[in-house]
mmCIF file of all heavy atoms, coordinates in Angstrom:
data_MODEL
# 
_entry.id   MODEL 
# 
loop_
_atom_site.group_PDB 
_atom_site.id 
_atom_site.type_symbol 
_atom_site.label_atom_id 
_atom_site.label_alt_id 
_atom_site.label_comp_id 
_atom_site.label_asym_id 
_atom_site.label_entity_id 
_atom_site.label_seq_id 
_atom_site.pdbx_PDB_ins_code 
_atom_site.Cartn_x 
_atom_site.Cartn_y 
_atom_site.Cartn_z 
_atom_site.occupancy 
_atom_site.B_iso_or_equiv 
_atom_site.pdbx_formal_charge 
_atom_site.auth_seq_id 
_atom_site.auth_comp_id 
_atom_site.auth_asym_id 
_atom_site.auth_atom_id 
_atom_site.pdbx_PDB_model_num 
ATOM 1   N N   . LYS A 1 1  ? -16.818 -13.515 9.404  1.00 0.00 ? 1  LYS A N   1 
ATOM 2   C CA  . LYS A 1 1  ? -17.860 -13.857 8.590  1.00 0.00 ? 1  LYS A CA  1 
ATOM 3   C C   . LYS A 1 1  ? -18.573 -15.168 9.194  1.00 0.00 ? 1  LYS A C   1 
ATOM 4   O O   . LYS A 1 1  ? -19.806 -15.231 9.165  1.00 0.00 ? 1  LYS A O   1 
ATOM 5   C CB  . LYS A 1 1  ? -17.560 -14.140 7.259  1.00 0.00 ? 1  LYS A CB  1 
ATOM 6   C CG  . LYS A 1 1  ? -17.043 -12.766 6.469  1.00 0.00 ? 1  LYS A CG  1 
ATOM 7   C CD  . LYS A 1 1  ? -16.651 -13.035 5.009  1.00 0.00 ? 1  LYS A CD  1 
ATOM 8   C CE  . LYS A 1 1  ? -16.235 -11.711 4.358  1.00 0.00 ? 1  LYS A CE  1 
ATOM 9   N NZ  . LYS A 1 1  ? -15.822 -11.931 2.963  1.00 0.00 ? 1  LYS A NZ  1 
ATOM 10  N N   . GLN A 1 2  ? -17.824 -16.162 9.600  1.00 0.00 ? 2  GLN A N   1 
ATOM 11  C CA  . GLN A 1 2  ? -18.296 -17.371 10.138 1.00 0.00 ? 2  GLN A CA  1 
ATOM 12  C C   . GLN A 1 2  ? -19.218 -17.046 11.486 1.00 0.00 ? 2  GLN A C   1 
ATOM 13  O O   . GLN A 1 2  ? -20.254 -17.693 11.679 1.00 0.00 ? 2  GLN A O   1 
ATOM 14  C CB  . GLN A 1 2  ? -17.237 -18.355 10.518 1.00 0.00 ? 2  GLN A CB  1 
ATOM 15  C CG  . GLN A 1 2  ? -17.723 -19.705 11.147 1.00 0.00 ? 2  GLN A CG  1 
ATOM 16  C CD  . GLN A 1 2  ? -16.392 -20.422 11.498 1.00 0.00 ? 2  GLN A CD  1 
ATOM 17  O OE1 . GLN A 1 2  ? -15.519 -20.624 10.653 1.00 0.00 ? 2  GLN A OE1 1 
ATOM 18  N NE2 . GLN A 1 2  ? -16.414 -21.084 12.584 1.00 0.00 ? 2  GLN A NE2 1 
ATOM 19  N N   . GLU A 1 3  ? -18.718 -16.179 12.214 1.00 0.00 ? 3  GLU A N   1 
ATOM 20  C CA  . GLU A 1 3  ? -19.305 -15.857 13.575 1.00 0.00 ? 3  GLU A CA  1 
ATOM 21  C C   . GLU A 1 3  ? -20.406 -14.713 13.416 1.00 0.00 ? 3  GLU A C   1 
ATOM 22  O O   . GLU A 1 3  ? -21.204 -14.460 14.327 1.00 0.00 ? 3  GLU A O   1 
ATOM 23  C CB  . GLU A 1 3  ? -18.246 -15.399 14.496 1.00 0.00 ? 3  GLU A CB  1 
ATOM 24  C CG  . GLU A 1 3  ? -17.306 -16.466 14.980 1.00 0.00 ? 3  GLU A CG  1 
ATOM 25  C CD  . GLU A 1 3  ? -18.107 -17.220 16.222 1.00 0.00 ? 3  GLU A CD  1 
ATOM 26  O OE1 . GLU A 1 3  ? -19.072 -16.747 16.708 1.00 0.00 ? 3  GLU A OE1 1 
ATOM 27  O OE2 . GLU A 1 3  ? -17.503 -18.284 16.346 1.00 0.00 ? 3  GLU A OE2 1 
ATOM 28  N N   . GLY A 1 4  ? -20.474 -14.109 12.277 1.00 0.00 ? 4  GLY A N   1 
ATOM 29  C CA  . GLY A 1 4  ? -21.505 -13.018 12.110 1.00 0.00 ? 4  GLY A CA  1 
ATOM 30  C C   . GLY A 1 4  ? -21.089 -11.867 12.927 1.00 0.00 ? 4  GLY A C   1 
ATOM 31  O O   . GLY A 1 4  ? -21.954 -11.176 13.498 1.00 0.00 ? 4  GLY A O   1 
ATOM 32  N N   . ALA A 1 5  ? -19.887 -11.531 13.059 1.00 0.00 ? 5  ALA A N   1 
ATOM 33  C CA  . ALA A 1 5  ? -19.299 -10.468 13.942 1.00 0.00 ? 5  ALA A CA  1 
ATOM 34  C C   . ALA A 1 5  ? -19.587 -9.046  13.295 1.00 0.00 ? 5  ALA A C   1 
ATOM 35  O O   . ALA A 1 5  ? -19.799 -9.028  12.108 1.00 0.00 ? 5  ALA A O   1 
ATOM 36  C CB  . ALA A 1 5  ? -17.784 -10.668 14.137 1.00 0.00 ? 5  ALA A CB  1 
ATOM 37  N N   . ASP A 1 6  ? -19.556 -8.147  14.126 1.00 0.00 ? 6  ASP A N   1 
ATOM 38  C CA  . ASP A 1 6  ? -19.881 -6.706  13.759 1.00 0.00 ? 6  ASP A CA  1 
ATOM 39  C C   . ASP A 1 6  ? -18.647 -5.941  13.500 1.00 0.00 ? 6  ASP A C   1 
ATOM 40  O O   . ASP A 1 6  ? -18.629 -4.876  12.848 1.00 0.00 ? 6  ASP A O   1 
ATOM 41  C CB  . ASP A 1 6  ? -20.845 -5.980  14.804 1.00 0.00 ? 6  ASP A CB  1 
ATOM 42  C CG  . ASP A 1 6  ? -22.059 -6.679  15.112 1.00 0.00 ? 6  ASP A CG  1 
ATOM 43  O OD1 . ASP A 1 6  ? -22.763 -7.017  14.048 1.00 0.00 ? 6  ASP A OD1 1 
ATOM 44  O OD2 . ASP A 1 6  ? -22.242 -7.083  16.234 1.00 0.00 ? 6  ASP A OD2 1 
ATOM 45  N N   . ALA A 1 7  ? -17.444 -6.381  14.120 1.00 0.00 ? 7  ALA A N   1 
ATOM 46  C CA  . ALA A 1 7  ? -16.236 -5.572  13.934 1.00 0.00 ? 7  ALA A CA  1 
ATOM 47  C C   . ALA A 1 7  ? -14.986 -6.572  14.260 1.00 0.00 ? 7  ALA A C   1 
ATOM 48  O O   . ALA A 1 7  ? -15.160 -7.608  14.751 1.00 0.00 ? 7  ALA A O   1 
ATOM 49  C CB  . ALA A 1 7  ? -16.287 -4.487  14.935 1.00 0.00 ? 7  ALA A CB  1 
ATOM 50  N N   . ILE A 1 8  ? -13.910 -6.107  13.678 1.00 0.00 ? 8  ILE A N   1 
ATOM 51  C CA  . ILE A 1 8  ? -12.644 -6.836  14.023 1.00 0.00 ? 8  ILE A CA  1 
ATOM 52  C C   . ILE A 1 8  ? -11.752 -5.836  14.741 1.00 0.00 ? 8  ILE A C   1 
ATOM 53  O O   . ILE A 1 8  ? -11.716 -4.642  14.476 1.00 0.00 ? 8  ILE A O   1 
ATOM 54  C CB  . ILE A 1 8  ? -11.951 -7.242  12.720 1.00 0.00 ? 8  ILE A CB  1 
ATOM 55  C CG1 . ILE A 1 8  ? -12.674 -8.377  12.002 1.00 0.00 ? 8  ILE A CG1 1 
ATOM 56  C CG2 . ILE A 1 8  ? -10.585 -7.825  13.065 1.00 0.00 ? 8  ILE A CG2 1 
ATOM 57  C CD1 . ILE A 1 8  ? -12.263 -8.653  10.686 1.00 0.00 ? 8  ILE A CD1 1 
ATOM 58  N N   . CYS A 1 9  ? -11.077 -6.377  15.859 1.00 0.00 ? 9  CYS A N   1 
ATOM 59  C CA  . CYS A 1 9  ? -10.242 -5.603  16.684 1.00 0.00 ? 9  CYS A CA  1 
ATOM 60  C C   . CYS A 1 9  ? -8.747  -6.114  16.636 1.00 0.00 ? 9  CYS A C   1 
ATOM 61  O O   . CYS A 1 9  ? -8.487  -7.237  16.660 1.00 0.00 ? 9  CYS A O   1 
ATOM 62  C CB  . CYS A 1 9  ? -10.752 -5.523  18.099 1.00 0.00 ? 9  CYS A CB  1 
ATOM 63  S SG  . CYS A 1 9  ? -9.774  -4.585  19.260 1.00 0.00 ? 9  CYS A SG  1 
ATOM 64  N N   . HIS A 1 10 ? -7.800  -5.225  16.657 1.00 0.00 ? 10 HIS A N   1 
ATOM 65  C CA  . HIS A 1 10 ? -6.366  -5.569  16.823 1.00 0.00 ? 10 HIS A CA  1 
ATOM 66  C C   . HIS A 1 10 ? -5.828  -4.712  17.948 1.00 0.00 ? 10 HIS A C   1 
ATOM 67  O O   . HIS A 1 10 ? -6.228  -3.640  18.263 1.00 0.00 ? 10 HIS A O   1 
ATOM 68  C CB  . HIS A 1 10 ? -5.713  -5.438  15.539 1.00 0.00 ? 10 HIS A CB  1 
ATOM 69  C CG  . HIS A 1 10 ? -5.621  -4.120  14.969 1.00 0.00 ? 10 HIS A CG  1 
ATOM 70  N ND1 . HIS A 1 10 ? -4.760  -3.154  15.523 1.00 0.00 ? 10 HIS A ND1 1 
ATOM 71  C CD2 . HIS A 1 10 ? -6.140  -3.474  13.862 1.00 0.00 ? 10 HIS A CD2 1 
ATOM 72  C CE1 . HIS A 1 10 ? -4.887  -1.995  14.808 1.00 0.00 ? 10 HIS A CE1 1 
ATOM 73  N NE2 . HIS A 1 10 ? -5.818  -2.174  13.785 1.00 0.00 ? 10 HIS A NE2 1 
ATOM 74  N N   . GLY A 1 11 ? -4.649  -5.243  18.472 1.00 0.00 ? 11 GLY A N   1 
ATOM 75  C CA  . GLY A 1 11 ? -3.878  -4.545  19.545 1.00 0.00 ? 11 GLY A CA  1 
ATOM 76  C C   . GLY A 1 11 ? -2.693  -3.681  19.042 1.00 0.00 ? 11 GLY A C   1 
ATOM 77  O O   . GLY A 1 11 ? -1.894  -3.515  19.913 1.00 0.00 ? 11 GLY A O   1 
ATOM 78  N N   . CYS A 1 12 ? -2.687  -3.375  17.742 1.00 0.00 ? 12 CYS A N   1 
ATOM 79  C CA  . CYS A 1 12 ? -1.464  -2.791  17.307 1.00 0.00 ? 12 CYS A CA  1 
ATOM 80  C C   . CYS A 1 12 ? -1.351  -1.344  17.605 1.00 0.00 ? 12 CYS A C   1 
ATOM 81  O O   . CYS A 1 12 ? -2.362  -0.515  17.702 1.00 0.00 ? 12 CYS A O   1 
ATOM 82  C CB  . CYS A 1 12 ? -1.489  -2.819  15.726 1.00 0.00 ? 12 CYS A CB  1 
ATOM 83  S SG  . CYS A 1 12 ? -1.667  -4.413  15.028 1.00 0.00 ? 12 CYS A SG  1 
ATOM 84  N N   . THR A 1 13 ? -0.190  -0.811  17.988 1.00 0.00 ? 13 THR A N   1 
ATOM 85  C CA  . THR A 1 13 ? 0.045   0.423   18.383 1.00 0.00 ? 13 THR A CA  1 
ATOM 86  C C   . THR A 1 13 ? -0.146  1.421   17.186 1.00 0.00 ? 13 THR A C   1 
ATOM 87  O O   . THR A 1 13 ? 0.087   1.090   16.033 1.00 0.00 ? 13 THR A O   1 
ATOM 88  C CB  . THR A 1 13 ? 1.479   0.782   18.987 1.00 0.00 ? 13 THR A CB  1 
ATOM 89  O OG1 . THR A 1 13 ? 1.784   2.121   19.177 1.00 0.00 ? 13 THR A OG1 1 
ATOM 90  C CG2 . THR A 1 13 ? 2.469   0.174   17.994 1.00 0.00 ? 13 THR A CG2 1 
ATOM 91  N N   . GLY A 1 14 ? -0.528  2.679   17.373 1.00 0.00 ? 14 GLY A N   1 
ATOM 92  C CA  . GLY A 1 14 ? -0.764  3.659   16.423 1.00 0.00 ? 14 GLY A CA  1 
ATOM 93  C C   . GLY A 1 14 ? 0.548   4.180   15.819 1.00 0.00 ? 14 GLY A C   1 
ATOM 94  O O   . GLY A 1 14 ? 0.550   4.998   14.833 1.00 0.00 ? 14 GLY A O   1 
ATOM 95  N N   . LYS A 1 15 ? 1.734   3.750   16.390 1.00 0.00 ? 15 LYS A N   1 
ATOM 96  C CA  . LYS A 1 15 ? 3.021   4.112   15.854 1.00 0.00 ? 15 LYS A CA  1 
ATOM 97  C C   . LYS A 1 15 ? 3.717   3.192   15.016 1.00 0.00 ? 15 LYS A C   1 
ATOM 98  O O   . LYS A 1 15 ? 4.654   3.427   14.388 1.00 0.00 ? 15 LYS A O   1 
ATOM 99  C CB  . LYS A 1 15 ? 3.971   4.469   17.020 1.00 0.00 ? 15 LYS A CB  1 
ATOM 100 C CG  . LYS A 1 15 ? 3.654   5.644   17.968 1.00 0.00 ? 15 LYS A CG  1 
ATOM 101 C CD  . LYS A 1 15 ? 4.676   5.868   18.957 1.00 0.00 ? 15 LYS A CD  1 
ATOM 102 C CE  . LYS A 1 15 ? 4.471   7.063   19.840 1.00 0.00 ? 15 LYS A CE  1 
ATOM 103 N NZ  . LYS A 1 15 ? 5.533   7.263   20.771 1.00 0.00 ? 15 LYS A NZ  1 
ATOM 104 N N   . GLY A 1 16 ? 3.011   1.975   14.853 1.00 0.00 ? 16 GLY A N   1 
ATOM 105 C CA  . GLY A 1 16 ? 3.757   0.842   14.205 1.00 0.00 ? 16 GLY A CA  1 
ATOM 106 C C   . GLY A 1 16 ? 3.247   0.519   12.862 1.00 0.00 ? 16 GLY A C   1 
ATOM 107 O O   . GLY A 1 16 ? 2.233   1.073   12.286 1.00 0.00 ? 16 GLY A O   1 
ATOM 108 N N   . ASN A 1 17 ? 3.809   -0.507  12.283 1.00 0.00 ? 17 ASN A N   1 
ATOM 109 C CA  . ASN A 1 17 ? 3.595   -0.996  10.797 1.00 0.00 ? 17 ASN A CA  1 
ATOM 110 C C   . ASN A 1 17 ? 2.384   -1.944  10.928 1.00 0.00 ? 17 ASN A C   1 
ATOM 111 O O   . ASN A 1 17 ? 1.675   -2.075  9.793  1.00 0.00 ? 17 ASN A O   1 
ATOM 112 C CB  . ASN A 1 17 ? 4.739   -1.675  10.244 1.00 0.00 ? 17 ASN A CB  1 
ATOM 113 C CG  . ASN A 1 17 ? 6.034   -0.726  10.145 1.00 0.00 ? 17 ASN A CG  1 
ATOM 114 O OD1 . ASN A 1 17 ? 5.920   0.348   9.709  1.00 0.00 ? 17 ASN A OD1 1 
ATOM 115 N ND2 . ASN A 1 17 ? 7.086   -1.331  10.759 1.00 0.00 ? 17 ASN A ND2 1 
ATOM 116 N N   . ASP A 1 18 ? 2.270   -2.700  11.939 1.00 0.00 ? 18 ASP A N   1 
ATOM 117 C CA  . ASP A 1 18 ? 1.254   -3.845  11.987 1.00 0.00 ? 18 ASP A CA  1 
ATOM 118 C C   . ASP A 1 18 ? -0.186  -3.339  11.753 1.00 0.00 ? 18 ASP A C   1 
ATOM 119 O O   . ASP A 1 18 ? -0.964  -4.031  11.223 1.00 0.00 ? 18 ASP A O   1 
ATOM 120 C CB  . ASP A 1 18 ? 1.433   -4.731  13.224 1.00 0.00 ? 18 ASP A CB  1 
ATOM 121 C CG  . ASP A 1 18 ? 2.649   -5.632  13.099 1.00 0.00 ? 18 ASP A CG  1 
ATOM 122 O OD1 . ASP A 1 18 ? 3.013   -5.836  12.081 1.00 0.00 ? 18 ASP A OD1 1 
ATOM 123 O OD2 . ASP A 1 18 ? 3.025   -6.195  14.196 1.00 0.00 ? 18 ASP A OD2 1 
ATOM 124 N N   . GLN A 1 19 ? -0.462  -2.154  12.337 1.00 0.00 ? 19 GLN A N   1 
ATOM 125 C CA  . GLN A 1 19 ? -1.860  -1.580  12.202 1.00 0.00 ? 19 GLN A CA  1 
ATOM 126 C C   . GLN A 1 19 ? -2.132  -1.588  10.652 1.00 0.00 ? 19 GLN A C   1 
ATOM 127 O O   . GLN A 1 19 ? -3.253  -1.865  10.277 1.00 0.00 ? 19 GLN A O   1 
ATOM 128 C CB  . GLN A 1 19 ? -2.027  -0.271  12.851 1.00 0.00 ? 19 GLN A CB  1 
ATOM 129 C CG  . GLN A 1 19 ? -0.950  0.801   12.349 1.00 0.00 ? 19 GLN A CG  1 
ATOM 130 C CD  . GLN A 1 19 ? -1.164  2.101   12.934 1.00 0.00 ? 19 GLN A CD  1 
ATOM 131 O OE1 . GLN A 1 19 ? -2.203  2.459   13.387 1.00 0.00 ? 19 GLN A OE1 1 
ATOM 132 N NE2 . GLN A 1 19 ? -0.050  2.944   12.855 1.00 0.00 ? 19 GLN A NE2 1 
ATOM 133 N N   . VAL A 1 20 ? -1.189  -1.106  9.932  1.00 0.00 ? 20 VAL A N   1 
ATOM 134 C CA  . VAL A 1 20 ? -1.417  -1.044  8.408  1.00 0.00 ? 20 VAL A CA  1 
ATOM 135 C C   . VAL A 1 20 ? -1.616  -2.323  7.872  1.00 0.00 ? 20 VAL A C   1 
ATOM 136 O O   . VAL A 1 20 ? -2.414  -2.608  6.975  1.00 0.00 ? 20 VAL A O   1 
ATOM 137 C CB  . VAL A 1 20 ? -0.288  -0.177  7.800  1.00 0.00 ? 20 VAL A CB  1 
ATOM 138 C CG1 . VAL A 1 20 ? -0.564  -0.064  6.334  1.00 0.00 ? 20 VAL A CG1 1 
ATOM 139 C CG2 . VAL A 1 20 ? -0.107  1.132   8.430  1.00 0.00 ? 20 VAL A CG2 1 
ATOM 140 N N   . ARG A 1 21 ? -0.627  -3.266  8.242  1.00 0.00 ? 21 ARG A N   1 
ATOM 141 C CA  . ARG A 1 21 ? -0.644  -4.668  7.605  1.00 0.00 ? 21 ARG A CA  1 
ATOM 142 C C   . ARG A 1 21 ? -1.972  -5.386  7.870  1.00 0.00 ? 21 ARG A C   1 
ATOM 143 O O   . ARG A 1 21 ? -2.602  -5.990  6.900  1.00 0.00 ? 21 ARG A O   1 
ATOM 144 C CB  . ARG A 1 21 ? 0.525   -5.371  8.113  1.00 0.00 ? 21 ARG A CB  1 
ATOM 145 C CG  . ARG A 1 21 ? 1.904   -4.828  7.793  1.00 0.00 ? 21 ARG A CG  1 
ATOM 146 C CD  . ARG A 1 21 ? 3.028   -5.410  8.568  1.00 0.00 ? 21 ARG A CD  1 
ATOM 147 N NE  . ARG A 1 21 ? 4.330   -4.793  8.318  1.00 0.00 ? 21 ARG A NE  1 
ATOM 148 C CZ  . ARG A 1 21 ? 5.299   -4.870  9.059  1.00 0.00 ? 21 ARG A CZ  1 
ATOM 149 N NH1 . ARG A 1 21 ? 5.220   -5.429  10.251 1.00 0.00 ? 21 ARG A NH1 1 
ATOM 150 N NH2 . ARG A 1 21 ? 6.594   -4.344  8.748  1.00 0.00 ? 21 ARG A NH2 1 
ATOM 151 N N   . PHE A 1 22 ? -2.401  -5.312  9.115  1.00 0.00 ? 22 PHE A N   1 
ATOM 152 C CA  . PHE A 1 22 ? -3.707  -6.021  9.422  1.00 0.00 ? 22 PHE A CA  1 
ATOM 153 C C   . PHE A 1 22 ? -4.843  -5.327  8.708  1.00 0.00 ? 22 PHE A C   1 
ATOM 154 O O   . PHE A 1 22 ? -5.694  -6.058  8.063  1.00 0.00 ? 22 PHE A O   1 
ATOM 155 C CB  . PHE A 1 22 ? -3.983  -5.927  10.891 1.00 0.00 ? 22 PHE A CB  1 
ATOM 156 C CG  . PHE A 1 22 ? -3.329  -7.040  11.754 1.00 0.00 ? 22 PHE A CG  1 
ATOM 157 C CD1 . PHE A 1 22 ? -2.436  -6.732  12.784 1.00 0.00 ? 22 PHE A CD1 1 
ATOM 158 C CD2 . PHE A 1 22 ? -3.480  -8.286  11.431 1.00 0.00 ? 22 PHE A CD2 1 
ATOM 159 C CE1 . PHE A 1 22 ? -1.855  -7.687  13.622 1.00 0.00 ? 22 PHE A CE1 1 
ATOM 160 C CE2 . PHE A 1 22 ? -2.785  -9.318  12.175 1.00 0.00 ? 22 PHE A CE2 1 
ATOM 161 C CZ  . PHE A 1 22 ? -1.968  -9.039  13.252 1.00 0.00 ? 22 PHE A CZ  1 
ATOM 162 N N   . GLU A 1 23 ? -4.847  -4.116  8.694  1.00 0.00 ? 23 GLU A N   1 
ATOM 163 C CA  . GLU A 1 23 ? -6.099  -3.401  8.259  1.00 0.00 ? 23 GLU A CA  1 
ATOM 164 C C   . GLU A 1 23 ? -6.231  -3.530  6.696  1.00 0.00 ? 23 GLU A C   1 
ATOM 165 O O   . GLU A 1 23 ? -7.260  -3.535  6.187  1.00 0.00 ? 23 GLU A O   1 
ATOM 166 C CB  . GLU A 1 23 ? -6.203  -1.975  8.658  1.00 0.00 ? 23 GLU A CB  1 
ATOM 167 C CG  . GLU A 1 23 ? -6.407  -1.951  10.197 1.00 0.00 ? 23 GLU A CG  1 
ATOM 168 C CD  . GLU A 1 23 ? -6.667  -0.635  10.658 1.00 0.00 ? 23 GLU A CD  1 
ATOM 169 O OE1 . GLU A 1 23 ? -7.231  0.337   9.933  1.00 0.00 ? 23 GLU A OE1 1 
ATOM 170 O OE2 . GLU A 1 23 ? -6.390  -0.309  11.967 1.00 0.00 ? 23 GLU A OE2 1 
ATOM 171 N N   . LEU A 1 24 ? -4.982  -3.443  6.067  1.00 0.00 ? 24 LEU A N   1 
ATOM 172 C CA  . LEU A 1 24 ? -5.106  -3.625  4.513  1.00 0.00 ? 24 LEU A CA  1 
ATOM 173 C C   . LEU A 1 24 ? -5.525  -5.058  4.225  1.00 0.00 ? 24 LEU A C   1 
ATOM 174 O O   . LEU A 1 24 ? -6.272  -5.234  3.245  1.00 0.00 ? 24 LEU A O   1 
ATOM 175 C CB  . LEU A 1 24 ? -3.728  -3.340  3.920  1.00 0.00 ? 24 LEU A CB  1 
ATOM 176 C CG  . LEU A 1 24 ? -3.123  -1.843  4.009  1.00 0.00 ? 24 LEU A CG  1 
ATOM 177 C CD1 . LEU A 1 24 ? -1.926  -1.753  3.148  1.00 0.00 ? 24 LEU A CD1 1 
ATOM 178 C CD2 . LEU A 1 24 ? -4.313  -0.933  3.571  1.00 0.00 ? 24 LEU A CD2 1 
# 
């Protein structure tokens, strides 16, 4: 929000838990 960004990106694998944790 501070940067006025258009998207957020993470490097979590599609097999793991972290993708869910970050995105929620």
